């Protein structure tokens, strides 16, 4: 209960602010407006460029294949997604290990169906005689100026080129590298084929997977957030234990102790007995470190399960940061019946929609999709506070004595209950560290020890 009351103080102070209603209403309108614009941009870019390679196919046909729509040789076959008539013989030879240097505006990309070719440095390529095919695409032929600027703001220009390459070389895997920032993407032909022939059964399976991963990530992230709150209070007590803070008033120390009773009460008992609280603080910090490492290890599995092997740089970290924010918000602000009934369900729908979008396409506009999801999630947080929390809080809602209107009994404090998790990291003591009275409390039947 003390843990809940500590969190309730944040909730109570926030909702008692005079300008809270106006501020959250403006923030909600802003998030939903910009999120809707992001969604419109996503639909527009997706319909125009996902699984479309027409512009790159025309450039390859005109600049390499003498306007022919296909190339056939014992080593390499290429069928371009365009229709044209070939009136001349193709003099260009293409091998699987060849490198395609694609230039558009100030952007340059390297692509090869053999990823090893991209990893080789320039000197080795020239010494071994690797062919480099230069392909130039006029930016005006590919995309309008306004859309190009929007794609730049949303960091989606690579996605446009990526879809052009995947569509043209759909019968092969490969690797694309942005020569400007060094980012690269690797995929296999089996992965492309799987997304192109997903089928209705596959779509149903993707929906099930999306809900499954949402549940797993939400549960583990929620657990880690709770341990983060519990363990981070050890930093405050560590500061209070430093010699440079000895001048602090003892009453202020007591307030700090009992503001976080899960660590403050044991620390106060040690201080009252003139014992060091170093091992207690280290137990909490080690607990926090161990569970954070567990979270990092689990995120490797989640990344493959949610984003698979192909996603923009940094999207995985932003995705998990959003989950952490949602869990912290739920822990602190969701306290009434309506919030508990509707907020998790709507959030689940928003997040799983993003995951399903990722599953259904080889490489969609994931940055745009994630931005829309984030803004809708923030807007939903504001809506929950304004319409579900504040009306109840101002009438008969949560109080300091009853910080939540819904409870679930998870832990019980009885003699047979398991000890707190942090005690697993607290070192044991020898018999000589306890008085006879203390040992009698542990062994009331005078059992020899």
Protein backbone atom coordinates (compact mmCIF):
# COMPACT_ATOMS: atom_id res chain seq x y z
CA UNK A 1 0.00 0.00 0.00
CA UNK A 2 2.85 2.42 0.75
CA UNK A 3 4.21 1.81 -2.73
CA UNK A 4 0.81 2.71 -4.21
CA UNK A 5 0.57 5.82 -2.06
CA UNK A 6 3.99 6.96 -3.22
CA UNK A 7 2.83 6.75 -6.82
CA UNK A 8 -0.50 8.37 -5.97
CA UNK A 9 1.29 11.53 -4.85
CA UNK A 10 2.35 12.14 -8.47
CA UNK A 11 -1.20 11.54 -9.68
CA UNK A 12 -2.67 13.80 -7.01
CA UNK A 13 -0.29 16.72 -7.60
CA UNK A 14 -0.75 16.55 -11.38
CA UNK A 15 -4.55 16.50 -11.43
CA UNK A 16 -4.81 19.32 -8.89
CA UNK A 17 -3.02 21.77 -11.19
CA UNK A 18 -5.33 24.59 -12.28
CA UNK A 19 -4.24 24.60 -15.92
CA UNK A 20 -4.21 20.83 -16.32
CA UNK A 21 -7.55 20.65 -18.15
CA UNK A 22 -6.63 23.27 -20.75
CA UNK A 23 -3.08 21.93 -21.24
CA UNK A 24 -4.14 18.33 -21.76
CA UNK A 25 -6.97 19.33 -24.09
CA UNK A 26 -4.56 21.29 -26.30
CA UNK A 27 -2.03 18.47 -26.23
CA UNK A 28 -4.70 15.90 -27.12
CA UNK A 29 -5.92 17.97 -30.08
CA UNK A 30 -2.35 18.48 -31.29
CA UNK A 31 -1.45 14.79 -31.06
CA UNK A 32 -4.58 13.60 -32.82
CA UNK A 33 -4.32 16.24 -35.54
CA UNK A 34 -0.67 15.55 -36.34
CA UNK A 35 -1.28 11.80 -35.99
CA UNK A 36 -4.07 12.01 -38.56
CA UNK A 37 -1.80 13.91 -40.94
CA UNK A 38 0.85 11.24 -40.44
CA UNK A 39 -1.74 8.57 -41.21
CA UNK A 40 -2.78 10.36 -44.40
CA UNK A 41 0.88 10.62 -45.45
CA UNK A 42 1.35 6.92 -44.69
CA UNK A 43 -1.62 5.91 -46.85
CA UNK A 44 -0.44 8.19 -49.67
CA UNK A 45 3.17 6.99 -49.70
CA UNK A 46 2.16 3.36 -49.25
CA UNK A 47 -0.23 3.42 -52.20
CA UNK A 48 2.35 5.12 -54.44
CA UNK A 49 5.60 3.36 -53.62
CA UNK A 50 5.25 0.08 -51.70
CA UNK A 51 5.90 -2.88 -54.02
CA UNK A 52 6.43 -0.51 -56.96
CA UNK A 53 9.65 -0.54 -58.97
CA UNK A 54 8.53 1.05 -62.23
CA UNK A 55 10.90 4.02 -62.21
CA UNK A 56 14.02 1.98 -61.40
CA UNK A 57 12.98 -0.67 -63.94
CA UNK A 58 12.72 1.96 -66.69
CA UNK A 59 16.11 3.40 -65.73
CA UNK A 60 17.80 -0.03 -65.82
CA UNK A 61 16.08 -0.89 -69.11
CA UNK A 62 17.14 2.36 -70.77
CA UNK A 63 20.66 2.74 -69.33
CA UNK A 64 21.81 -0.91 -69.23
CA UNK A 65 19.59 -3.14 -71.37
CA UNK A 66 19.05 -1.01 -74.50
CA UNK A 67 15.36 -0.49 -73.60
CA UNK A 68 14.73 -4.22 -73.26
CA UNK A 69 12.40 -5.38 -70.43
CA UNK A 70 14.49 -8.41 -69.46
CA UNK A 71 17.97 -9.88 -69.35
CA UNK A 72 18.80 -13.58 -69.63
CA UNK A 73 22.11 -15.34 -69.29
CA UNK A 74 23.39 -18.59 -67.74
CA UNK A 75 24.55 -16.62 -64.69
CA UNK A 76 21.82 -14.06 -64.15
CA UNK A 77 18.18 -13.53 -65.13
CA UNK A 78 16.28 -10.30 -64.69
CA UNK A 79 12.65 -9.60 -65.64
CA UNK A 80 11.71 -5.96 -65.19
CA UNK A 81 8.14 -5.04 -64.14
CA UNK A 82 7.54 -3.01 -67.32
CA UNK A 83 6.29 -3.73 -70.81
CA UNK A 84 8.40 -2.59 -73.78
CA UNK A 85 9.66 -3.88 -77.09
CA UNK A 86 13.35 -4.76 -77.51
CA UNK A 87 14.65 -3.88 -80.97
CA UNK A 88 18.41 -4.17 -80.41
CA UNK A 89 20.80 -6.69 -78.94
CA UNK A 90 21.95 -6.27 -75.36
CA UNK A 91 25.71 -5.72 -75.18
CA UNK A 92 25.87 -5.36 -71.41
CA UNK A 93 26.76 -8.38 -69.30
CA UNK A 94 25.44 -8.75 -65.76
CA UNK A 95 26.62 -11.17 -63.08
CA UNK A 96 25.10 -11.88 -59.65
CA UNK A 97 28.06 -10.31 -57.88
CA UNK A 98 27.83 -7.05 -59.85
CA UNK A 99 27.13 -3.84 -57.97
CA UNK A 100 24.41 -1.39 -58.98
CA UNK A 101 25.23 2.20 -58.04
CA UNK A 102 21.90 4.04 -57.93
CA UNK A 103 21.97 7.84 -57.83
CA UNK A 104 18.96 10.06 -57.16
CA UNK A 105 19.39 13.74 -56.39
CA UNK A 106 22.16 13.92 -53.75
CA UNK A 107 21.56 10.34 -52.56
CA UNK A 108 23.64 7.36 -53.66
CA UNK A 109 22.95 3.68 -52.98
CA UNK A 110 24.81 0.47 -53.68
CA UNK A 111 22.96 -2.75 -54.30
CA UNK A 112 24.02 -6.29 -55.13
CA UNK A 113 22.31 -9.65 -55.07
CA UNK A 114 25.48 -10.95 -53.40
CA UNK A 115 25.92 -9.13 -50.10
CA UNK A 116 29.63 -9.96 -49.97
CA UNK A 117 30.18 -7.57 -52.88
CA UNK A 118 28.91 -4.61 -50.85
CA UNK A 119 31.13 -5.44 -47.88
CA UNK A 120 34.29 -5.38 -50.03
CA UNK A 121 36.19 -2.12 -50.01
CA UNK A 122 36.73 -0.16 -53.20
CA UNK A 123 40.36 -1.22 -53.72
CA UNK A 124 39.52 -4.93 -53.57
CA UNK A 125 36.64 -4.48 -56.00
CA UNK A 126 38.83 -2.73 -58.53
CA UNK A 127 41.63 -5.29 -58.15
CA UNK A 128 39.26 -8.23 -58.59
CA UNK A 129 37.39 -6.61 -61.47
CA UNK A 130 33.91 -6.29 -59.98
CA UNK A 131 31.54 -4.50 -62.34
CA UNK A 132 29.74 -1.40 -61.13
CA UNK A 133 26.61 -0.42 -63.08
CA UNK A 134 25.76 3.25 -62.68
CA UNK A 135 22.02 3.96 -62.66
CA UNK A 136 20.76 7.55 -62.49
CA UNK A 137 17.16 8.34 -61.58
CA UNK A 138 15.82 11.84 -61.99
CA UNK A 139 14.13 12.89 -58.80
CA UNK A 140 11.28 14.53 -60.74
CA UNK A 141 10.53 11.19 -62.43
CA UNK A 142 10.31 9.37 -59.13
CA UNK A 143 8.48 11.71 -56.78
CA UNK A 144 6.99 15.18 -56.51
CA UNK A 145 9.00 17.86 -54.72
CA UNK A 146 6.51 18.18 -51.86
CA UNK A 147 6.38 14.45 -51.25
CA UNK A 148 10.18 14.24 -51.43
CA UNK A 149 10.46 16.89 -48.71
CA UNK A 150 7.92 15.07 -46.54
CA UNK A 151 9.82 11.82 -47.02
CA UNK A 152 12.98 13.61 -45.92
CA UNK A 153 11.36 14.96 -42.75
CA UNK A 154 10.05 11.50 -41.90
CA UNK A 155 13.33 9.75 -42.81
CA UNK A 156 11.58 7.65 -45.45
CA UNK A 157 13.58 8.37 -48.61
CA UNK A 158 15.48 5.13 -48.15
CA UNK A 159 12.15 3.28 -48.02
CA UNK A 160 11.19 4.58 -51.47
CA UNK A 161 14.45 3.36 -53.02
CA UNK A 162 14.25 0.12 -51.06
CA UNK A 163 10.85 -0.72 -52.53
CA UNK A 164 12.07 0.09 -56.03
CA UNK A 165 14.95 -2.36 -55.63
CA UNK A 166 12.89 -5.10 -53.99
CA UNK A 167 10.28 -4.90 -56.76
CA UNK A 168 12.84 -5.00 -59.60
CA UNK A 169 14.97 -7.77 -58.09
CA UNK A 170 12.08 -9.70 -56.53
CA UNK A 171 13.54 -13.05 -57.61
CA UNK A 172 16.71 -12.43 -55.59
CA UNK A 173 17.78 -11.47 -52.13
CA UNK A 174 20.36 -8.79 -51.71
CA UNK A 175 21.85 -5.94 -49.79
CA UNK A 176 21.35 -2.19 -50.17
CA UNK A 177 23.66 0.40 -48.62
CA UNK A 178 23.15 4.12 -48.29
CA UNK A 179 26.55 5.62 -49.12
CA UNK A 180 25.66 8.85 -47.30
CA UNK A 181 25.04 7.55 -43.80
CA UNK A 182 26.36 3.98 -44.10
CA UNK A 183 23.04 2.30 -43.20
CA UNK A 184 22.39 -0.99 -44.94
CA UNK A 185 19.56 -3.50 -45.36
CA UNK A 186 19.83 -7.24 -46.06
CA UNK A 187 17.04 -9.58 -47.13
CA UNK A 188 16.58 -12.98 -48.77
CA UNK A 189 14.45 -14.06 -51.72
CA UNK A 190 12.53 -16.45 -49.46
CA UNK A 191 11.52 -13.53 -47.26
CA UNK A 192 10.27 -11.54 -50.26
CA UNK A 193 8.38 -14.53 -51.61
CA UNK A 194 6.75 -15.14 -48.23
CA UNK A 195 5.42 -11.57 -48.07
CA UNK A 196 4.21 -11.63 -51.67
CA UNK A 197 2.21 -14.85 -51.18
CA UNK A 198 1.00 -14.36 -47.63
CA UNK A 199 -2.60 -15.56 -48.17
CA UNK A 200 -5.63 -15.29 -45.88
CA UNK A 201 -4.39 -17.95 -43.47
CA UNK A 202 -1.10 -16.11 -43.16
CA UNK A 203 -2.91 -12.86 -42.39
CA UNK A 204 -4.88 -14.54 -39.62
CA UNK A 205 -1.64 -15.93 -38.21
CA UNK A 206 -0.11 -12.45 -38.32
CA UNK A 207 -2.99 -11.05 -36.29
CA UNK A 208 -2.49 -13.77 -33.68
CA UNK A 209 1.27 -13.11 -33.59
CA UNK A 210 0.72 -9.38 -33.18
CA UNK A 211 -1.54 -9.84 -30.14
CA UNK A 212 0.83 -12.42 -28.69
CA UNK A 213 3.88 -10.17 -28.90
CA UNK A 214 1.92 -7.20 -27.57
CA UNK A 215 0.91 -9.22 -24.51
CA UNK A 216 4.45 -10.53 -23.88
CA UNK A 217 6.16 -7.16 -24.28
CA UNK A 218 3.51 -5.39 -22.20
CA UNK A 219 3.79 -7.87 -19.34
CA UNK A 220 7.58 -7.87 -19.17
CA UNK A 221 7.90 -4.11 -19.67
CA UNK A 222 5.34 -3.51 -16.93
CA UNK A 223 7.34 -5.73 -14.60
CA UNK A 224 10.58 -3.92 -15.42
CA UNK A 225 8.95 -0.51 -14.89
CA UNK A 226 7.89 -1.55 -11.40
CA UNK A 227 11.35 -2.82 -10.55
CA UNK A 228 12.82 0.40 -11.97
CA UNK A 229 10.70 2.48 -9.58
CA UNK A 230 11.53 0.24 -6.65
CA UNK A 231 15.25 0.02 -7.40
CA UNK A 232 15.89 3.61 -8.47
CA UNK A 233 15.02 4.87 -4.99
CA UNK A 234 18.32 3.33 -3.89
CA UNK A 235 20.14 6.14 -5.71
CA UNK A 236 18.52 8.71 -3.42
CA UNK A 237 19.48 6.82 -0.28
CA UNK A 238 22.99 6.38 -1.67
CA UNK A 239 23.27 10.16 -1.97
CA UNK A 240 21.99 10.63 1.56
CA UNK A 241 24.63 8.19 2.78
CA UNK A 242 27.48 10.17 1.24
CA UNK A 243 29.62 12.21 3.66
CA UNK A 244 29.07 15.37 1.62
CA UNK A 245 25.36 15.27 2.56
CA UNK A 246 25.86 14.93 6.33
CA UNK A 247 24.65 18.52 6.80
CA UNK A 248 21.07 17.57 5.84
CA UNK A 249 18.56 17.93 8.64
CA UNK A 250 17.68 14.58 10.29
CA UNK A 251 13.97 15.28 9.77
CA UNK A 252 14.57 15.56 6.03
CA UNK A 253 16.35 12.22 6.13
CA UNK A 254 13.39 10.62 7.87
CA UNK A 255 11.05 12.03 5.23
CA UNK A 256 13.24 10.54 2.50
CA UNK A 257 13.33 7.20 4.32
CA UNK A 258 9.59 6.91 4.65
CA UNK A 259 8.78 8.37 1.22
CA UNK A 260 10.14 5.08 -0.12
CA UNK A 261 9.26 2.66 2.66
CA UNK A 262 10.24 -0.49 0.76
CA UNK A 263 13.88 0.58 1.12
CA UNK A 264 13.59 3.44 3.58
CA UNK A 265 12.33 1.38 6.52
CA UNK A 266 15.20 -1.18 6.37
CA UNK A 267 17.66 1.67 5.84
CA UNK A 268 16.27 3.54 8.85
CA UNK A 269 16.52 0.41 10.99
CA UNK A 270 20.17 -0.01 10.01
CA UNK A 271 20.88 3.66 10.64
CA UNK A 272 19.16 3.51 14.02
CA UNK A 273 21.37 0.52 14.92
CA UNK A 274 24.49 2.43 13.75
CA UNK A 275 25.04 -0.04 10.91
CA UNK A 276 25.98 0.70 7.33
CA UNK A 277 23.26 0.58 4.70
CA UNK A 278 25.79 -0.05 1.91
CA UNK A 279 24.83 -3.68 1.36
CA UNK A 280 21.12 -2.83 1.38
CA UNK A 281 21.59 -0.16 -1.28
CA UNK A 282 23.77 -2.50 -3.35
CA UNK A 283 21.08 -5.20 -3.12
CA UNK A 284 18.53 -2.87 -4.71
CA UNK A 285 20.98 -1.65 -7.34
CA UNK A 286 21.99 -5.21 -8.23
CA UNK A 287 18.33 -6.18 -8.49
CA UNK A 288 17.76 -3.25 -10.85
CA UNK A 289 20.83 -4.18 -12.92
CA UNK A 290 19.89 -7.87 -13.20
CA UNK A 291 16.33 -7.20 -14.30
CA UNK A 292 17.45 -4.52 -16.75
CA UNK A 293 19.89 -6.99 -18.31
CA UNK A 294 17.03 -9.49 -18.51
CA UNK A 295 14.98 -6.87 -20.32
CA UNK A 296 17.80 -6.15 -22.78
CA UNK A 297 18.21 -9.87 -23.47
CA UNK A 298 14.48 -10.34 -23.99
CA UNK A 299 14.36 -7.38 -26.37
CA UNK A 300 16.62 -9.25 -28.80
CA UNK A 301 13.93 -11.91 -29.12
CA UNK A 302 11.18 -9.27 -29.33
CA UNK A 303 12.95 -7.40 -32.10
CA UNK A 304 12.92 -10.46 -34.32
CA UNK A 305 9.34 -11.33 -33.35
CA UNK A 306 7.91 -7.85 -33.98
CA UNK A 307 10.15 -6.11 -36.51
CA UNK A 308 11.75 -9.24 -38.00
CA UNK A 309 15.08 -8.64 -39.77
CA UNK A 310 14.26 -5.57 -41.83
CA UNK A 311 13.49 -2.22 -40.19
CA UNK A 312 14.82 1.37 -40.07
CA UNK A 313 17.75 2.12 -37.82
CA UNK A 314 16.64 2.96 -34.27
CA UNK A 315 13.01 1.90 -34.73
CA UNK A 316 13.39 -0.96 -32.24
CA UNK A 317 14.60 1.39 -29.50
CA UNK A 318 11.80 3.88 -30.16
CA UNK A 319 9.25 1.07 -30.13
CA UNK A 320 10.37 -0.19 -26.71
CA UNK A 321 10.61 3.35 -25.35
CA UNK A 322 6.96 3.87 -26.34
CA UNK A 323 6.04 0.66 -24.54
CA UNK A 324 7.88 1.81 -21.41
CA UNK A 325 6.12 5.17 -21.50
CA UNK A 326 2.73 3.47 -21.87
CA UNK A 327 3.46 1.17 -18.92
CA UNK A 328 4.67 4.02 -16.70
CA UNK A 329 1.57 6.01 -17.60
CA UNK A 330 -0.67 3.06 -16.81
CA UNK A 331 1.06 2.47 -13.50
CA UNK A 332 0.74 6.07 -12.32
CA UNK A 333 -2.36 7.51 -14.02
CA UNK A 334 -4.80 4.65 -14.71
CA UNK A 335 -6.78 4.35 -11.47
CA UNK A 336 -10.51 4.38 -12.27
CA UNK A 337 -12.84 1.75 -13.68
CA UNK A 338 -13.38 3.31 -17.11
CA UNK A 339 -9.66 3.83 -17.65
CA UNK A 340 -8.87 0.26 -16.64
CA UNK A 341 -11.65 -1.02 -18.92
CA UNK A 342 -10.96 0.96 -22.10
CA UNK A 343 -7.40 2.34 -22.10
CA UNK A 344 -5.56 -1.04 -22.36
CA UNK A 345 -7.92 -2.29 -25.08
CA UNK A 346 -7.59 0.79 -27.28
CA UNK A 347 -3.82 0.89 -26.78
CA UNK A 348 -3.64 -2.78 -27.73
CA UNK A 349 -5.56 -2.07 -30.94
CA UNK A 350 -3.24 0.82 -31.89
CA UNK A 351 0.00 -1.08 -31.25
CA UNK A 352 -1.11 -4.33 -32.87
CA UNK A 353 -2.24 -2.41 -35.96
CA UNK A 354 1.36 -1.22 -36.35
CA UNK A 355 2.74 -4.74 -35.85
CA UNK A 356 0.30 -6.22 -38.39
CA UNK A 357 1.31 -3.54 -40.92
CA UNK A 358 4.93 -4.58 -40.40
CA UNK A 359 4.10 -8.24 -40.96
CA UNK A 360 2.16 -7.78 -44.20
CA UNK A 361 4.82 -6.03 -46.30
CA UNK A 362 8.48 -6.57 -47.05
CA UNK A 363 9.41 -3.01 -46.16
CA UNK A 364 6.65 -0.49 -45.56
CA UNK A 365 6.88 3.11 -44.39
CA UNK A 366 7.54 2.11 -40.80
CA UNK A 367 8.78 5.47 -39.55
CA UNK A 368 5.56 7.14 -40.64
CA UNK A 369 3.47 4.33 -39.20
CA UNK A 370 5.29 4.49 -35.87
CA UNK A 371 4.96 8.27 -35.67
CA UNK A 372 1.20 7.99 -36.20
CA UNK A 373 0.97 5.24 -33.57
CA UNK A 374 2.97 7.28 -31.05
CA UNK A 375 0.88 10.40 -31.53
CA UNK A 376 -2.40 8.50 -31.24
CA UNK A 377 -1.08 6.84 -28.08
CA UNK A 378 -0.17 10.22 -26.55
CA UNK A 379 -3.57 11.60 -27.52
CA UNK A 380 -5.27 8.62 -25.89
CA UNK A 381 -3.33 9.29 -22.68
CA UNK A 382 -4.63 12.85 -22.61
CA UNK A 383 -8.17 11.67 -23.37
CA UNK A 384 -8.02 9.13 -20.55
CA UNK A 385 -6.97 11.80 -18.05
CA UNK A 386 -9.57 14.34 -19.19
CA UNK A 387 -12.59 12.08 -19.60
CA UNK A 388 -12.02 9.08 -17.39
CA UNK A 389 -9.75 10.14 -14.55
CA UNK A 390 -10.50 13.79 -13.77
CA UNK A 391 -14.32 13.52 -13.40
CA UNK A 392 -13.96 10.67 -10.90
CA UNK A 393 -10.99 12.29 -9.13
CA UNK A 394 -12.92 15.53 -8.58
CA UNK A 395 -15.94 13.72 -7.15
CA UNK A 396 -15.45 10.47 -5.24
CA UNK A 397 -12.30 9.30 -7.01
CA UNK A 398 -9.00 7.90 -5.73
CA UNK A 399 -7.72 9.24 -2.43
CA UNK A 400 -4.55 8.82 -0.42
CA UNK A 401 -6.22 6.13 1.68
CA UNK A 402 -7.65 4.40 -1.40
CA UNK A 403 -5.23 5.22 -4.26
CA UNK A 404 -6.96 2.93 -6.77
CA UNK A 405 -10.55 1.98 -7.39
CA UNK A 406 -9.62 -1.44 -8.71
CA UNK A 407 -7.22 -3.89 -7.06
CA UNK A 408 -5.80 -7.28 -7.81
CA UNK A 409 -4.29 -9.23 -4.92
CA UNK A 410 -0.85 -10.39 -6.00
CA UNK A 411 1.35 -10.40 -2.88
CA UNK A 412 0.35 -11.07 0.70
CA UNK A 413 2.29 -10.12 3.81
CA UNK A 414 1.98 -13.17 6.01
CA UNK A 415 4.56 -15.36 7.74
CA UNK A 416 4.48 -17.90 4.90
CA UNK A 417 4.88 -15.38 2.06
CA UNK A 418 8.07 -15.24 0.05
CA UNK A 419 10.48 -12.41 0.93
CA UNK A 420 10.87 -9.36 -1.30
CA UNK A 421 12.89 -9.81 -4.47
CA UNK A 422 15.64 -7.43 -3.39
CA UNK A 423 16.49 -9.76 -0.49
CA UNK A 424 17.88 -12.26 -3.02
CA UNK A 425 20.78 -9.84 -3.54
CA UNK A 426 21.34 -9.08 0.14
CA UNK A 427 24.26 -11.07 1.62
CA UNK A 428 23.58 -13.48 4.47
CA UNK A 429 24.89 -12.98 8.02
CA UNK A 430 26.71 -15.32 10.36
CA UNK A 431 25.38 -16.48 13.75
CA UNK A 432 27.58 -14.02 15.59
CA UNK A 433 25.86 -11.01 14.00
CA UNK A 434 22.61 -11.71 15.85
CA UNK A 435 21.81 -11.36 19.54
CA UNK A 436 20.29 -14.19 21.56
CA UNK A 437 16.97 -12.37 21.58
CA UNK A 438 16.98 -12.04 17.79
CA UNK A 439 17.89 -15.69 17.35
CA UNK A 440 15.08 -16.67 19.73
CA UNK A 441 12.63 -14.85 17.44
CA UNK A 442 13.89 -16.91 14.52
CA UNK A 443 14.00 -20.19 16.44
CA UNK A 444 11.44 -19.85 19.27
CA UNK A 445 11.74 -23.54 20.19
CA UNK A 446 15.38 -23.21 21.28
CA UNK A 447 16.65 -25.36 18.47
CA UNK A 448 20.48 -25.50 18.58
CA UNK A 449 22.09 -23.43 15.85
